[in-house]
N, C-alpha and C. Protein backbone atom coordinates (compact mmCIF):
# COMPACT_ATOMS: atom_id res chain seq x y z
N MET A 1 0.82 -1.20 0.00
CA MET A 1 0.00 0.00 0.00
C MET A 1 0.87 1.26 0.00
N THR A 2 1.93 1.31 0.84
CA THR A 2 2.80 2.48 0.90
C THR A 2 3.42 2.76 -0.47
N ARG A 3 3.77 1.71 -1.22
CA ARG A 3 4.37 1.88 -2.53
C ARG A 3 3.45 2.68 -3.45
N ASN A 4 2.15 2.43 -3.39
CA ASN A 4 1.18 3.17 -4.21
C ASN A 4 1.20 4.65 -3.85
N PHE A 5 1.29 4.98 -2.55
CA PHE A 5 1.34 6.38 -2.13
C PHE A 5 2.62 7.04 -2.61
N ILE A 6 3.71 6.32 -2.53
CA ILE A 6 4.99 6.89 -2.98
C ILE A 6 4.95 7.16 -4.47
N ASN A 7 4.46 6.21 -5.25
CA ASN A 7 4.36 6.43 -6.70
C ASN A 7 3.43 7.60 -7.02
N ALA A 8 2.28 7.67 -6.36
CA ALA A 8 1.35 8.78 -6.58
C ALA A 8 2.00 10.10 -6.16
N GLY A 9 2.70 10.09 -5.04
CA GLY A 9 3.38 11.29 -4.56
C GLY A 9 4.45 11.76 -5.51
N LEU A 10 5.21 10.83 -6.09
CA LEU A 10 6.24 11.20 -7.06
C LEU A 10 5.62 11.84 -8.30
N GLY A 11 4.44 11.38 -8.70
CA GLY A 11 3.74 12.00 -9.82
C GLY A 11 3.34 13.43 -9.50
N ILE A 12 2.88 13.67 -8.29
CA ILE A 12 2.51 15.03 -7.87
C ILE A 12 3.73 15.92 -7.84
N VAL A 13 4.84 15.43 -7.28
CA VAL A 13 6.09 16.20 -7.25
C VAL A 13 6.50 16.59 -8.66
N ALA A 14 6.41 15.66 -9.60
CA ALA A 14 6.81 15.93 -10.98
C ALA A 14 5.94 16.99 -11.64
N ARG A 15 4.66 17.04 -11.29
CA ARG A 15 3.74 18.01 -11.91
C ARG A 15 3.66 19.34 -11.17
N SER A 16 4.20 19.42 -9.99
CA SER A 16 4.10 20.63 -9.18
C SER A 16 5.21 21.62 -9.56
N SER A 17 4.82 22.82 -9.90
CA SER A 17 5.82 23.83 -10.28
C SER A 17 6.36 24.59 -9.08
N LYS A 18 5.71 24.42 -7.94
CA LYS A 18 6.13 25.11 -6.72
C LYS A 18 6.08 24.13 -5.55
N THR A 19 6.80 24.48 -4.51
CA THR A 19 6.79 23.70 -3.27
C THR A 19 6.49 24.66 -2.14
N ILE A 20 5.65 24.26 -1.22
CA ILE A 20 5.42 25.02 0.00
C ILE A 20 6.29 24.38 1.08
N ILE A 21 7.13 25.18 1.73
CA ILE A 21 7.94 24.66 2.83
C ILE A 21 7.47 25.31 4.12
N ALA A 22 7.60 24.57 5.22
CA ALA A 22 7.17 25.08 6.52
C ALA A 22 8.28 24.93 7.53
N SER A 23 8.44 25.96 8.34
CA SER A 23 9.38 25.95 9.46
C SER A 23 8.58 26.31 10.70
N VAL A 24 9.24 26.29 11.85
CA VAL A 24 8.59 26.61 13.12
C VAL A 24 9.29 27.84 13.70
N ASP A 25 8.50 28.87 14.08
CA ASP A 25 9.11 30.08 14.64
C ASP A 25 9.37 29.93 16.14
N ASP A 26 9.93 30.96 16.74
CA ASP A 26 10.29 30.94 18.16
C ASP A 26 9.10 30.75 19.08
N ASP A 27 7.91 31.10 18.61
CA ASP A 27 6.70 30.95 19.42
C ASP A 27 5.99 29.62 19.16
N GLY A 28 6.60 28.75 18.32
CA GLY A 28 6.03 27.44 18.04
C GLY A 28 4.99 27.42 16.94
N PHE A 29 4.85 28.54 16.21
CA PHE A 29 3.88 28.61 15.12
C PHE A 29 4.52 28.20 13.80
N PRO A 30 3.74 27.54 12.92
CA PRO A 30 4.28 27.19 11.60
C PRO A 30 4.40 28.44 10.73
N ASN A 31 5.45 28.48 9.93
CA ASN A 31 5.69 29.55 8.96
C ASN A 31 5.79 28.89 7.59
N LEU A 32 5.00 29.36 6.63
CA LEU A 32 4.98 28.75 5.30
C LEU A 32 5.59 29.69 4.27
N LYS A 33 6.17 29.09 3.25
CA LYS A 33 6.76 29.88 2.17
C LYS A 33 6.72 29.06 0.89
N ALA A 34 6.38 29.73 -0.20
CA ALA A 34 6.44 29.08 -1.52
C ALA A 34 7.87 29.12 -2.03
N MET A 35 8.31 28.02 -2.58
CA MET A 35 9.65 27.90 -3.16
C MET A 35 9.51 27.33 -4.57
N LEU A 36 10.58 27.46 -5.34
CA LEU A 36 10.62 26.79 -6.63
C LEU A 36 10.77 25.28 -6.39
N GLN A 37 10.68 24.52 -7.45
CA GLN A 37 10.84 23.08 -7.34
C GLN A 37 12.19 22.75 -6.72
N PRO A 38 12.29 21.60 -6.06
CA PRO A 38 13.59 21.20 -5.52
C PRO A 38 14.60 21.00 -6.64
N ARG A 39 15.85 21.27 -6.34
CA ARG A 39 16.91 21.08 -7.33
C ARG A 39 17.19 19.60 -7.57
N GLU A 40 17.08 18.82 -6.52
CA GLU A 40 17.28 17.38 -6.62
C GLU A 40 16.36 16.72 -5.62
N HIS A 41 16.03 15.46 -5.88
CA HIS A 41 15.33 14.68 -4.86
C HIS A 41 15.60 13.21 -5.09
N ASP A 42 15.51 12.46 -4.01
CA ASP A 42 15.68 11.02 -4.03
C ASP A 42 14.35 10.43 -3.58
N GLY A 43 13.52 10.06 -4.55
CA GLY A 43 12.19 9.57 -4.23
C GLY A 43 11.42 10.62 -3.46
N LEU A 44 10.71 10.18 -2.44
CA LEU A 44 10.01 11.11 -1.53
C LEU A 44 10.78 11.26 -0.23
N LYS A 45 12.02 10.78 -0.18
CA LYS A 45 12.79 10.77 1.07
C LYS A 45 13.63 12.04 1.28
N VAL A 46 14.35 12.47 0.25
CA VAL A 46 15.30 13.59 0.41
C VAL A 46 15.10 14.60 -0.72
N PHE A 47 15.06 15.89 -0.35
CA PHE A 47 14.88 16.99 -1.30
C PHE A 47 15.90 18.07 -1.02
N TYR A 48 16.41 18.71 -2.07
CA TYR A 48 17.37 19.80 -1.94
C TYR A 48 16.81 21.08 -2.57
N PHE A 49 16.90 22.18 -1.82
CA PHE A 49 16.46 23.49 -2.27
C PHE A 49 17.60 24.48 -2.08
N THR A 50 17.55 25.60 -2.78
CA THR A 50 18.52 26.67 -2.55
C THR A 50 17.81 27.85 -1.89
N THR A 51 18.57 28.58 -1.10
CA THR A 51 18.00 29.77 -0.46
C THR A 51 19.11 30.67 0.03
N ASN A 52 18.71 31.80 0.60
CA ASN A 52 19.65 32.79 1.12
C ASN A 52 20.05 32.43 2.55
N THR A 53 21.33 32.38 2.79
CA THR A 53 21.88 32.02 4.10
C THR A 53 21.32 32.85 5.24
N HIS A 54 21.04 34.10 4.98
CA HIS A 54 20.62 35.02 6.06
C HIS A 54 19.10 35.16 6.15
N SER A 55 18.37 34.27 5.49
CA SER A 55 16.91 34.38 5.50
C SER A 55 16.34 33.98 6.86
N MET A 56 15.13 34.45 7.13
CA MET A 56 14.42 34.10 8.35
C MET A 56 14.25 32.59 8.45
N ARG A 57 13.91 31.96 7.33
CA ARG A 57 13.65 30.52 7.32
C ARG A 57 14.90 29.73 7.73
N VAL A 58 16.06 30.11 7.21
CA VAL A 58 17.30 29.42 7.57
C VAL A 58 17.55 29.55 9.07
N GLN A 59 17.34 30.73 9.61
CA GLN A 59 17.54 30.92 11.05
C GLN A 59 16.59 30.03 11.85
N GLN A 60 15.35 29.89 11.38
CA GLN A 60 14.40 29.02 12.07
C GLN A 60 14.81 27.56 12.00
N TYR A 61 15.28 27.10 10.86
CA TYR A 61 15.72 25.71 10.73
C TYR A 61 16.95 25.42 11.58
N LEU A 62 17.83 26.40 11.72
CA LEU A 62 19.01 26.20 12.56
C LEU A 62 18.61 26.01 14.03
N LYS A 63 17.54 26.68 14.45
CA LYS A 63 17.06 26.56 15.83
C LYS A 63 16.19 25.33 16.03
N ASN A 64 15.39 25.00 15.02
CA ASN A 64 14.45 23.88 15.12
C ASN A 64 14.32 23.25 13.73
N PRO A 65 14.92 22.09 13.52
CA PRO A 65 14.92 21.49 12.18
C PRO A 65 13.60 20.84 11.76
N LYS A 66 12.59 20.81 12.63
CA LYS A 66 11.31 20.21 12.23
C LYS A 66 10.73 21.00 11.07
N ALA A 67 10.27 20.26 10.05
CA ALA A 67 9.81 20.91 8.82
C ALA A 67 8.76 20.06 8.12
N SER A 68 8.04 20.71 7.23
CA SER A 68 7.13 20.04 6.31
C SER A 68 7.33 20.64 4.94
N ILE A 69 7.08 19.83 3.92
CA ILE A 69 7.03 20.35 2.56
C ILE A 69 5.75 19.82 1.92
N TYR A 70 5.21 20.60 0.98
CA TYR A 70 3.93 20.24 0.37
C TYR A 70 4.01 20.49 -1.13
N PHE A 71 3.62 19.49 -1.89
CA PHE A 71 3.53 19.59 -3.34
C PHE A 71 2.07 19.40 -3.72
N TYR A 72 1.63 20.10 -4.77
CA TYR A 72 0.23 19.99 -5.14
C TYR A 72 0.05 20.04 -6.65
N ASP A 73 -1.01 19.43 -7.08
CA ASP A 73 -1.40 19.39 -8.48
C ASP A 73 -2.78 20.05 -8.56
N THR A 74 -2.80 21.31 -8.97
CA THR A 74 -4.05 22.07 -8.98
C THR A 74 -5.05 21.52 -9.99
N ARG A 75 -4.57 20.94 -11.06
CA ARG A 75 -5.47 20.44 -12.10
C ARG A 75 -6.35 19.30 -11.59
N PHE A 76 -5.74 18.41 -10.80
CA PHE A 76 -6.49 17.24 -10.32
C PHE A 76 -6.79 17.30 -8.83
N PHE A 77 -6.50 18.45 -8.19
CA PHE A 77 -6.78 18.66 -6.77
C PHE A 77 -6.19 17.54 -5.92
N LYS A 78 -4.87 17.34 -6.09
CA LYS A 78 -4.12 16.33 -5.35
C LYS A 78 -2.95 17.01 -4.66
N GLY A 79 -2.52 16.44 -3.55
CA GLY A 79 -1.36 16.97 -2.86
C GLY A 79 -0.69 15.90 -2.03
N VAL A 80 0.58 16.16 -1.73
CA VAL A 80 1.32 15.27 -0.83
C VAL A 80 2.12 16.15 0.13
N MET A 81 1.91 15.92 1.42
CA MET A 81 2.65 16.62 2.47
C MET A 81 3.66 15.63 3.05
N LEU A 82 4.88 16.11 3.22
CA LEU A 82 5.92 15.30 3.85
C LEU A 82 6.39 16.01 5.12
N ARG A 83 6.56 15.24 6.18
CA ARG A 83 7.04 15.77 7.46
C ARG A 83 8.42 15.20 7.73
N GLY A 84 9.31 16.04 8.26
CA GLY A 84 10.65 15.56 8.55
C GLY A 84 11.53 16.64 9.13
N LYS A 85 12.79 16.60 8.73
CA LYS A 85 13.81 17.53 9.25
C LYS A 85 14.48 18.25 8.09
N MET A 86 14.79 19.54 8.33
CA MET A 86 15.48 20.36 7.34
C MET A 86 16.87 20.70 7.87
N GLU A 87 17.89 20.41 7.06
CA GLU A 87 19.26 20.76 7.40
C GLU A 87 19.69 21.93 6.52
N VAL A 88 20.51 22.81 7.07
CA VAL A 88 21.10 23.92 6.32
C VAL A 88 22.53 23.51 5.99
N LEU A 89 22.81 23.33 4.70
CA LEU A 89 24.13 22.87 4.25
C LEU A 89 24.90 24.01 3.61
N GLN A 90 26.15 24.15 4.02
CA GLN A 90 27.00 25.19 3.45
C GLN A 90 28.33 24.64 2.95
N ASP A 91 28.46 23.30 2.92
CA ASP A 91 29.71 22.72 2.43
C ASP A 91 29.82 22.93 0.92
N GLN A 92 31.04 23.13 0.44
CA GLN A 92 31.24 23.50 -0.96
C GLN A 92 30.85 22.38 -1.92
N ASP A 93 31.05 21.13 -1.56
CA ASP A 93 30.68 20.03 -2.45
C ASP A 93 29.18 20.04 -2.76
N THR A 94 28.37 20.21 -1.72
CA THR A 94 26.92 20.25 -1.93
C THR A 94 26.52 21.49 -2.71
N LYS A 95 27.10 22.63 -2.35
CA LYS A 95 26.78 23.87 -3.08
C LYS A 95 27.12 23.74 -4.56
N ASP A 96 28.28 23.15 -4.87
CA ASP A 96 28.68 22.94 -6.26
C ASP A 96 27.70 22.04 -7.00
N ARG A 97 27.25 20.97 -6.35
CA ARG A 97 26.36 20.00 -6.99
C ARG A 97 24.99 20.60 -7.27
N ILE A 98 24.49 21.43 -6.37
CA ILE A 98 23.13 21.97 -6.49
C ILE A 98 23.08 23.24 -7.35
N TRP A 99 24.20 23.92 -7.50
CA TRP A 99 24.27 25.17 -8.28
C TRP A 99 23.81 24.93 -9.72
N ARG A 100 23.10 25.89 -10.29
CA ARG A 100 22.64 25.83 -11.68
C ARG A 100 23.01 27.12 -12.40
N ASP A 101 23.14 27.01 -13.73
CA ASP A 101 23.35 28.20 -14.54
C ASP A 101 22.21 29.17 -14.26
N GLY A 102 22.53 30.43 -14.11
CA GLY A 102 21.52 31.44 -13.84
C GLY A 102 21.42 31.81 -12.37
N ASP A 103 22.02 31.00 -11.48
CA ASP A 103 21.95 31.31 -10.05
C ASP A 103 22.71 32.59 -9.71
N ASN A 104 23.61 33.02 -10.60
CA ASN A 104 24.32 34.29 -10.38
C ASN A 104 23.36 35.46 -10.27
N MET A 105 22.16 35.29 -10.83
CA MET A 105 21.15 36.34 -10.74
C MET A 105 20.80 36.62 -9.28
N TYR A 106 20.87 35.59 -8.44
CA TYR A 106 20.54 35.72 -7.02
C TYR A 106 21.79 35.84 -6.14
N TYR A 107 22.87 35.23 -6.59
CA TYR A 107 24.12 35.20 -5.80
C TYR A 107 25.25 35.69 -6.69
N SER A 108 25.49 36.99 -6.63
CA SER A 108 26.41 37.64 -7.57
C SER A 108 27.85 37.17 -7.44
N LEU A 109 28.22 36.61 -6.30
CA LEU A 109 29.60 36.12 -6.12
C LEU A 109 29.76 34.68 -6.59
N GLY A 110 28.72 34.12 -7.16
CA GLY A 110 28.79 32.76 -7.70
C GLY A 110 28.60 31.69 -6.63
N VAL A 111 29.05 30.50 -6.97
CA VAL A 111 28.81 29.33 -6.13
C VAL A 111 29.48 29.44 -4.75
N THR A 112 30.46 30.31 -4.62
CA THR A 112 31.13 30.50 -3.32
C THR A 112 30.54 31.66 -2.53
N ASP A 113 29.49 32.28 -3.05
CA ASP A 113 28.83 33.40 -2.37
C ASP A 113 28.40 32.96 -0.96
N PRO A 114 28.82 33.68 0.08
CA PRO A 114 28.42 33.30 1.44
C PRO A 114 26.91 33.42 1.68
N GLY A 115 26.20 34.13 0.82
CA GLY A 115 24.76 34.26 0.94
C GLY A 115 23.98 33.08 0.36
N TYR A 116 24.69 32.16 -0.27
CA TYR A 116 24.07 31.00 -0.91
C TYR A 116 24.23 29.76 -0.04
N CYS A 117 23.12 29.07 0.22
CA CYS A 117 23.19 27.81 0.95
C CYS A 117 22.15 26.84 0.40
N VAL A 118 22.21 25.62 0.85
CA VAL A 118 21.34 24.56 0.39
C VAL A 118 20.53 24.04 1.57
N LEU A 119 19.25 23.85 1.35
CA LEU A 119 18.40 23.21 2.35
C LEU A 119 18.20 21.76 1.94
N LYS A 120 18.44 20.84 2.88
CA LYS A 120 18.24 19.42 2.64
C LYS A 120 17.12 18.94 3.54
N PHE A 121 16.02 18.53 2.94
CA PHE A 121 14.88 18.01 3.68
C PHE A 121 14.89 16.49 3.62
N THR A 122 14.75 15.85 4.78
CA THR A 122 14.66 14.40 4.86
C THR A 122 13.32 14.04 5.49
N ALA A 123 12.50 13.32 4.72
CA ALA A 123 11.14 12.98 5.16
C ALA A 123 11.14 11.79 6.11
N LEU A 124 10.23 11.85 7.08
CA LEU A 124 9.97 10.74 7.98
C LEU A 124 8.67 10.02 7.60
N ASN A 125 7.66 10.82 7.24
CA ASN A 125 6.37 10.26 6.86
C ASN A 125 5.63 11.26 5.98
N GLY A 126 4.49 10.84 5.47
CA GLY A 126 3.74 11.71 4.57
C GLY A 126 2.25 11.54 4.70
N ARG A 127 1.56 12.41 4.01
CA ARG A 127 0.09 12.35 3.96
C ARG A 127 -0.32 12.71 2.54
N MET A 128 -1.09 11.82 1.93
CA MET A 128 -1.55 12.00 0.56
C MET A 128 -2.98 12.52 0.57
N TYR A 129 -3.25 13.49 -0.31
CA TYR A 129 -4.59 14.05 -0.47
C TYR A 129 -5.01 13.86 -1.92
N GLU A 130 -6.06 13.08 -2.15
CA GLU A 130 -6.60 12.93 -3.50
C GLU A 130 -8.02 12.37 -3.43
N ASN A 131 -8.80 12.71 -4.44
CA ASN A 131 -10.20 12.25 -4.51
C ASN A 131 -10.97 12.56 -3.23
N PHE A 132 -10.68 13.72 -2.63
CA PHE A 132 -11.35 14.21 -1.43
C PHE A 132 -11.15 13.27 -0.24
N LYS A 133 -10.05 12.54 -0.24
CA LYS A 133 -9.67 11.67 0.87
C LYS A 133 -8.21 11.91 1.19
N SER A 134 -7.81 11.51 2.39
CA SER A 134 -6.40 11.62 2.77
C SER A 134 -5.98 10.36 3.50
N CYS A 135 -4.69 10.08 3.42
CA CYS A 135 -4.17 8.88 4.06
C CYS A 135 -2.70 9.09 4.41
N ASP A 136 -2.32 8.66 5.61
CA ASP A 136 -0.93 8.74 6.06
C ASP A 136 -0.13 7.56 5.52
N PHE A 137 1.17 7.79 5.32
CA PHE A 137 2.06 6.71 4.89
C PHE A 137 3.46 6.97 5.41
N LYS A 138 4.26 5.92 5.49
CA LYS A 138 5.67 6.00 5.88
C LYS A 138 6.51 6.17 4.64
N VAL A 139 7.58 6.93 4.77
CA VAL A 139 8.49 7.11 3.64
C VAL A 139 9.65 6.15 3.79
């Protein structure tokens, strides 16, 4: 059964042009933000995003790595939420691997720009939403 959810979830990830990421603020409230698609992912287990090192979200993840990410397919009213941990990576090997042509538009100093970092999300479990039903699954 879990395999079906993972396959369905991967389809939603592939069709979703945006990702909603969630962090937890100092008062314990969720904070949501729309992001571009992940730069890389390994199934529904691990996702990599780029962001600004000095952003509010990065500071929140450094204090509390609990996170959620959500992908959705507006055409078919489907979604998959993943819950897990977000790591802030600043090692050069990861930054080099995730960097894409055009990122200089955001990070003028290039791949070594101290303002550029990578977010690595690792899922623990998920929840699938489709056909007006929802179901939890393990990743």
